[in-house]
Amino acid sequence: MKKILIGLLISLVTLSGCANLNFNQRYQSVGWQKIMIAPFSGDGAKVSEQYFEHQLATTNLIEVIPPSTVLQLIKENELGEQFKSDPQQVLIKLAKENAANGIIFAELKANVPRRSSNSVSFNVMSVSIYAKLVDVETGAIVASSLHDSGSMLSDVDSVTESVTDDTVDDFKQYLQMLK
């Protein structure tokens, strides 16, 4: 009985993990006017990408080219095959053509344990997101953010939104620092 109570108590708690953000101080107050958000990669990328776009594309801190527009630019410029083989080169080319000073790249990793139908287990599902802002001219990393979280009760989309929200908050700070 004690094990069951402990298991239930643990399952009610959402586990939050590592949160680490970094900003290259050389870019403080550089006055960037525009950034591009690259299409995200990894498990759950679409959910995170849409949430990120929704939160940042309407900011008044800087002009943002959202991932949906980036995908349209790739299509219009017939760069689909090249994007598959060398996405960073294509994105830098598009960023320069559209006068973007930086590009946000992000990768998501989700670990969703498989549930066995014949046993009760307390598996923790986890999601992590690593995002970085890269200077288009130099390739230097201007800022980066790493967040991960896990849960026994929440679904993967909810945890993905949570870590994405934390990452968006970091990038809002970074964009303020670039002004």
C-alpha atoms as a PDB file:
ATOM      1  CA  MET A   1       0.000   0.000   0.000  1.00  0.00           C
ATOM      2  CA  LYS A   2       2.839   2.335   0.862  1.00  0.00           C
ATOM      3  CA  LYS A   3       4.433   1.785  -2.580  1.00  0.00           C
ATOM      4  CA  ILE A   4       1.150   2.614  -4.313  1.00  0.00           C
ATOM      5  CA  LEU A   5       0.756   5.866  -2.333  1.00  0.00           C
ATOM      6  CA  ILE A   6       4.318   6.879  -3.080  1.00  0.00           C
ATOM      7  CA  GLY A   7       3.793   6.071  -6.763  1.00  0.00           C
ATOM      8  CA  LEU A   8       0.613   8.141  -6.878  1.00  0.00           C
ATOM      9  CA  LEU A   9       2.307  11.047  -5.133  1.00  0.00           C
ATOM     10  CA  ILE A  10       5.194  10.952  -7.598  1.00  0.00           C
ATOM     11  CA  SER A  11       2.812  10.748 -10.544  1.00  0.00           C
ATOM     12  CA  LEU A  12       1.096  13.959  -9.460  1.00  0.00           C
ATOM     13  CA  VAL A  13       4.316  15.894  -9.659  1.00  0.00           C
ATOM     14  CA  THR A  14       5.648  17.216 -12.943  1.00  0.00           C
ATOM     15  CA  LEU A  15       9.393  17.025 -12.999  1.00  0.00           C
ATOM     16  CA  SER A  16      11.286  20.038 -14.285  1.00  0.00           C
ATOM     17  CA  GLY A  17      14.929  19.796 -15.107  1.00  0.00           C
ATOM     18  CA  CYS A  18      17.745  21.712 -16.562  1.00  0.00           C
ATOM     19  CA  ALA A  19      17.300  25.306 -17.590  1.00  0.00           C
ATOM     20  CA  ASN A  20      20.326  27.039 -19.008  1.00  0.00           C
ATOM     21  CA  LEU A  21      20.506  30.206 -21.056  1.00  0.00           C
ATOM     22  CA  ASN A  22      23.496  32.030 -22.417  1.00  0.00           C
ATOM     23  CA  PHE A  23      23.967  35.333 -24.228  1.00  0.00           C
ATOM     24  CA  ASN A  24      27.164  36.507 -25.926  1.00  0.00           C
ATOM     25  CA  GLN A  25      27.695  39.980 -24.454  1.00  0.00           C
ATOM     26  CA  ARG A  26      29.491  41.185 -27.601  1.00  0.00           C
ATOM     27  CA  TYR A  27      26.032  41.371 -29.175  1.00  0.00           C
ATOM     28  CA  GLN A  28      24.581  43.588 -26.448  1.00  0.00           C
ATOM     29  CA  SER A  29      22.773  46.546 -28.076  1.00  0.00           C
ATOM     30  CA  VAL A  30      23.892  45.776 -31.657  1.00  0.00           C
ATOM     31  CA  GLY A  31      20.584  47.002 -33.024  1.00  0.00           C
ATOM     32  CA  TRP A  32      19.540  44.035 -35.106  1.00  0.00           C
ATOM     33  CA  GLN A  33      16.406  44.708 -37.122  1.00  0.00           C
ATOM     34  CA  LYS A  34      15.316  41.249 -38.283  1.00  0.00           C
ATOM     35  CA  ILE A  35      15.733  37.567 -37.471  1.00  0.00           C
ATOM     36  CA  MET A  36      14.552  34.360 -39.104  1.00  0.00           C
ATOM     37  CA  ILE A  37      13.199  31.293 -37.310  1.00  0.00           C
ATOM     38  CA  ALA A  38      14.333  28.099 -39.034  1.00  0.00           C
ATOM     39  CA  PRO A  39      11.955  25.139 -39.231  1.00  0.00           C
ATOM     40  CA  PHE A  40      12.538  23.100 -36.063  1.00  0.00           C
ATOM     41  CA  SER A  41      13.887  19.553 -36.083  1.00  0.00           C
ATOM     42  CA  GLY A  42      13.241  16.510 -33.921  1.00  0.00           C
ATOM     43  CA  ASP A  43      10.316  14.794 -32.233  1.00  0.00           C
ATOM     44  CA  GLY A  44       7.455  17.199 -31.536  1.00  0.00           C
ATOM     45  CA  ALA A  45       9.061  19.883 -33.668  1.00  0.00           C
ATOM     46  CA  LYS A  46       5.809  21.010 -35.327  1.00  0.00           C
ATOM     47  CA  VAL A  47       4.029  21.628 -32.005  1.00  0.00           C
ATOM     48  CA  SER A  48       6.974  23.587 -30.649  1.00  0.00           C
ATOM     49  CA  GLU A  49       7.547  25.470 -33.904  1.00  0.00           C
ATOM     50  CA  GLN A  50       3.932  26.633 -34.087  1.00  0.00           C
ATOM     51  CA  TYR A  51       3.941  27.707 -30.459  1.00  0.00           C
ATOM     52  CA  PHE A  52       7.289  29.496 -30.876  1.00  0.00           C
ATOM     53  CA  GLU A  53       6.057  31.241 -34.017  1.00  0.00           C
ATOM     54  CA  HIS A  54       2.842  32.299 -32.308  1.00  0.00           C
ATOM     55  CA  GLN A  55       4.739  33.797 -29.365  1.00  0.00           C
ATOM     56  CA  LEU A  56       7.610  35.504 -31.211  1.00  0.00           C
ATOM     57  CA  ALA A  57       6.299  36.445 -34.642  1.00  0.00           C
ATOM     58  CA  THR A  58       4.131  39.201 -33.183  1.00  0.00           C
ATOM     59  CA  THR A  59       6.761  40.698 -30.899  1.00  0.00           C
ATOM     60  CA  ASN A  60       7.503  44.391 -31.276  1.00  0.00           C
ATOM     61  CA  LEU A  61      11.114  43.827 -30.213  1.00  0.00           C
ATOM     62  CA  ILE A  62      12.377  42.887 -33.693  1.00  0.00           C
ATOM     63  CA  GLU A  63      10.990  41.882 -37.083  1.00  0.00           C
ATOM     64  CA  VAL A  64      10.647  38.096 -37.244  1.00  0.00           C
ATOM     65  CA  ILE A  65      10.442  35.883 -40.329  1.00  0.00           C
ATOM     66  CA  PRO A  66       8.489  32.875 -39.002  1.00  0.00           C
ATOM     67  CA  PRO A  67       9.169  29.241 -39.968  1.00  0.00           C
ATOM     68  CA  SER A  68       6.012  29.054 -42.091  1.00  0.00           C
ATOM     69  CA  THR A  69       7.315  31.937 -44.227  1.00  0.00           C
ATOM     70  CA  VAL A  70      10.769  30.337 -44.395  1.00  0.00           C
ATOM     71  CA  LEU A  71       9.224  27.145 -45.778  1.00  0.00           C
ATOM     72  CA  GLN A  72       7.357  29.227 -48.362  1.00  0.00           C
ATOM     73  CA  LEU A  73      10.592  30.991 -49.372  1.00  0.00           C
ATOM     74  CA  ILE A  74      12.289  27.610 -49.793  1.00  0.00           C
ATOM     75  CA  LYS A  75       9.459  26.493 -52.057  1.00  0.00           C
ATOM     76  CA  GLU A  76       9.328  29.745 -54.086  1.00  0.00           C
ATOM     77  CA  ASN A  77      13.090  29.639 -54.670  1.00  0.00           C
ATOM     78  CA  GLU A  78      12.977  25.935 -55.552  1.00  0.00           C
ATOM     79  CA  LEU A  79      15.495  25.097 -52.818  1.00  0.00           C
ATOM     80  CA  GLY A  80      13.701  22.034 -51.429  1.00  0.00           C
ATOM     81  CA  GLU A  81      16.283  19.442 -52.487  1.00  0.00           C
ATOM     82  CA  GLN A  82      19.196  21.613 -51.423  1.00  0.00           C
ATOM     83  CA  PHE A  83      17.442  22.267 -48.075  1.00  0.00           C
ATOM     84  CA  LYS A  84      17.206  18.515 -47.461  1.00  0.00           C
ATOM     85  CA  SER A  85      20.943  18.039 -48.013  1.00  0.00           C
ATOM     86  CA  ASP A  86      22.312  21.260 -46.451  1.00  0.00           C
ATOM     87  CA  PRO A  87      19.612  23.151 -44.539  1.00  0.00           C
ATOM     88  CA  GLN A  88      21.969  25.585 -42.818  1.00  0.00           C
ATOM     89  CA  GLN A  89      23.480  26.813 -46.105  1.00  0.00           C
ATOM     90  CA  VAL A  90      20.008  27.371 -47.603  1.00  0.00           C
ATOM     91  CA  LEU A  91      18.810  29.221 -44.508  1.00  0.00           C
ATOM     92  CA  ILE A  92      21.852  31.491 -44.412  1.00  0.00           C
ATOM     93  CA  LYS A  93      21.343  32.301 -48.105  1.00  0.00           C
ATOM     94  CA  LEU A  94      17.659  33.135 -47.511  1.00  0.00           C
ATOM     95  CA  ALA A  95      18.493  35.153 -44.392  1.00  0.00           C
ATOM     96  CA  LYS A  96      20.976  37.280 -46.327  1.00  0.00           C
ATOM     97  CA  GLU A  97      18.516  37.781 -49.206  1.00  0.00           C
ATOM     98  CA  ASN A  98      15.872  38.929 -46.714  1.00  0.00           C
ATOM     99  CA  ALA A  99      18.209  41.161 -44.653  1.00  0.00           C
ATOM    100  CA  ALA A 100      17.924  39.025 -41.516  1.00  0.00           C
ATOM    101  CA  ASN A 101      20.746  39.494 -39.038  1.00  0.00           C
ATOM    102  CA  GLY A 102      20.291  36.168 -37.277  1.00  0.00           C
ATOM    103  CA  ILE A 103      18.620  32.767 -37.442  1.00  0.00           C
ATOM    104  CA  ILE A 104      17.059  30.807 -34.600  1.00  0.00           C
ATOM    105  CA  PHE A 105      17.649  27.062 -34.891  1.00  0.00           C
ATOM    106  CA  ALA A 106      15.944  24.617 -32.516  1.00  0.00           C
ATOM    107  CA  GLU A 107      15.958  20.889 -31.940  1.00  0.00           C
ATOM    108  CA  LEU A 108      13.508  18.931 -29.826  1.00  0.00           C
ATOM    109  CA  LYS A 109      13.979  15.529 -28.298  1.00  0.00           C
ATOM    110  CA  ALA A 110      11.099  13.617 -26.769  1.00  0.00           C
ATOM    111  CA  ASN A 111      11.297  10.414 -24.786  1.00  0.00           C
ATOM    112  CA  VAL A 112       7.864   8.843 -24.526  1.00  0.00           C
ATOM    113  CA  PRO A 113       8.052   5.455 -22.797  1.00  0.00           C
ATOM    114  CA  ARG A 114       5.915   2.696 -24.191  1.00  0.00           C
ATOM    115  CA  ARG A 115       3.260   1.543 -21.808  1.00  0.00           C
ATOM    116  CA  SER A 116       2.752  -2.137 -21.271  1.00  0.00           C
ATOM    117  CA  SER A 117      -0.885  -3.236 -21.154  1.00  0.00           C
ATOM    118  CA  ASN A 118      -0.217  -5.975 -18.627  1.00  0.00           C
ATOM    119  CA  SER A 119       1.625  -4.038 -15.941  1.00  0.00           C
ATOM    120  CA  VAL A 120       1.374  -0.810 -14.024  1.00  0.00           C
ATOM    121  CA  SER A 121       4.474   1.307 -14.369  1.00  0.00           C
ATOM    122  CA  PHE A 122       5.440   4.824 -13.491  1.00  0.00           C
ATOM    123  CA  ASN A 123       7.421   5.882 -16.512  1.00  0.00           C
ATOM    124  CA  VAL A 124       8.399   9.494 -16.922  1.00  0.00           C
ATOM    125  CA  MET A 125       7.956  11.061 -20.350  1.00  0.00           C
ATOM    126  CA  SER A 126      10.476  13.827 -21.071  1.00  0.00           C
ATOM    127  CA  VAL A 127      10.985  16.578 -23.625  1.00  0.00           C
ATOM    128  CA  SER A 128      14.028  18.769 -24.154  1.00  0.00           C
ATOM    129  CA  ILE A 129      14.573  21.723 -26.460  1.00  0.00           C
ATOM    130  CA  TYR A 130      17.862  23.288 -27.449  1.00  0.00           C
ATOM    131  CA  ALA A 131      17.620  26.553 -29.374  1.00  0.00           C
ATOM    132  CA  LYS A 132      20.323  28.909 -30.560  1.00  0.00           C
ATOM    133  CA  LEU A 133      20.464  32.278 -32.285  1.00  0.00           C
ATOM    134  CA  VAL A 134      23.231  32.407 -34.893  1.00  0.00           C
ATOM    135  CA  ASP A 135      24.768  35.528 -36.472  1.00  0.00           C
ATOM    136  CA  VAL A 136      24.176  35.258 -40.241  1.00  0.00           C
ATOM    137  CA  GLU A 137      27.432  37.040 -41.142  1.00  0.00           C
ATOM    138  CA  THR A 138      29.872  35.262 -38.831  1.00  0.00           C
ATOM    139  CA  GLY A 139      28.122  32.005 -37.900  1.00  0.00           C
ATOM    140  CA  ALA A 140      28.777  32.786 -34.233  1.00  0.00           C
ATOM    141  CA  ILE A 141      26.276  31.666 -31.628  1.00  0.00           C
ATOM    142  CA  VAL A 142      24.768  34.819 -30.171  1.00  0.00           C
ATOM    143  CA  ALA A 143      22.506  33.141 -27.631  1.00  0.00           C
ATOM    144  CA  SER A 144      21.351  29.684 -26.660  1.00  0.00           C
ATOM    145  CA  SER A 145      18.747  28.128 -24.444  1.00  0.00           C
ATOM    146  CA  LEU A 146      18.299  24.612 -23.125  1.00  0.00           C
ATOM    147  CA  HIS A 147      15.183  23.442 -21.307  1.00  0.00           C
ATOM    148  CA  ASP A 148      13.877  20.047 -20.445  1.00  0.00           C
ATOM    149  CA  SER A 149      10.956  18.752 -18.488  1.00  0.00           C
ATOM    150  CA  GLY A 150       9.257  15.486 -17.711  1.00  0.00           C
ATOM    151  CA  SER A 151       5.918  14.282 -16.486  1.00  0.00           C
ATOM    152  CA  MET A 152       4.098  11.125 -15.567  1.00  0.00           C
ATOM    153  CA  LEU A 153       0.630  12.540 -16.170  1.00  0.00           C
ATOM    154  CA  SER A 154       0.849  15.167 -18.887  1.00  0.00           C
ATOM    155  CA  ASP A 155       0.824  14.338 -22.564  1.00  0.00           C
ATOM    156  CA  VAL A 156       3.828  15.019 -24.788  1.00  0.00           C
ATOM    157  CA  ASP A 157       2.201  18.078 -26.408  1.00  0.00           C
ATOM    158  CA  SER A 158       1.608  19.742 -23.022  1.00  0.00           C
ATOM    159  CA  VAL A 159       5.191  19.180 -21.908  1.00  0.00           C
ATOM    160  CA  THR A 160       6.444  20.361 -25.309  1.00  0.00           C
ATOM    161  CA  GLU A 161       4.427  23.576 -24.951  1.00  0.00           C
ATOM    162  CA  SER A 162       5.836  24.070 -21.452  1.00  0.00           C
ATOM    163  CA  VAL A 163       9.505  23.798 -22.465  1.00  0.00           C
ATOM    164  CA  THR A 164       8.827  25.864 -25.580  1.00  0.00           C
ATOM    165  CA  ASP A 165       7.216  28.570 -23.459  1.00  0.00           C
ATOM    166  CA  ASP A 166      10.338  28.685 -21.257  1.00  0.00           C
ATOM    167  CA  THR A 167      12.514  28.926 -24.367  1.00  0.00           C
ATOM    168  CA  VAL A 168      10.378  31.703 -25.851  1.00  0.00           C
ATOM    169  CA  ASP A 169      10.770  33.644 -22.592  1.00  0.00           C
ATOM    170  CA  ASP A 170      14.553  33.316 -22.925  1.00  0.00           C
ATOM    171  CA  PHE A 171      14.483  34.547 -26.516  1.00  0.00           C
ATOM    172  CA  LYS A 172      12.308  37.525 -25.620  1.00  0.00           C
ATOM    173  CA  GLN A 173      15.059  38.493 -23.165  1.00  0.00           C
ATOM    174  CA  TYR A 174      17.706  37.986 -25.848  1.00  0.00           C
ATOM    175  CA  LEU A 175      15.811  40.114 -28.369  1.00  0.00           C
ATOM    176  CA  GLN A 176      15.543  42.879 -25.780  1.00  0.00           C
ATOM    177  CA  MET A 177      19.322  42.660 -25.247  1.00  0.00           C
ATOM    178  CA  LEU A 178      19.968  42.998 -28.996  1.00  0.00           C
ATOM    179  CA  LYS A 179      18.097  46.328 -29.217  1.00  0.00           C
END
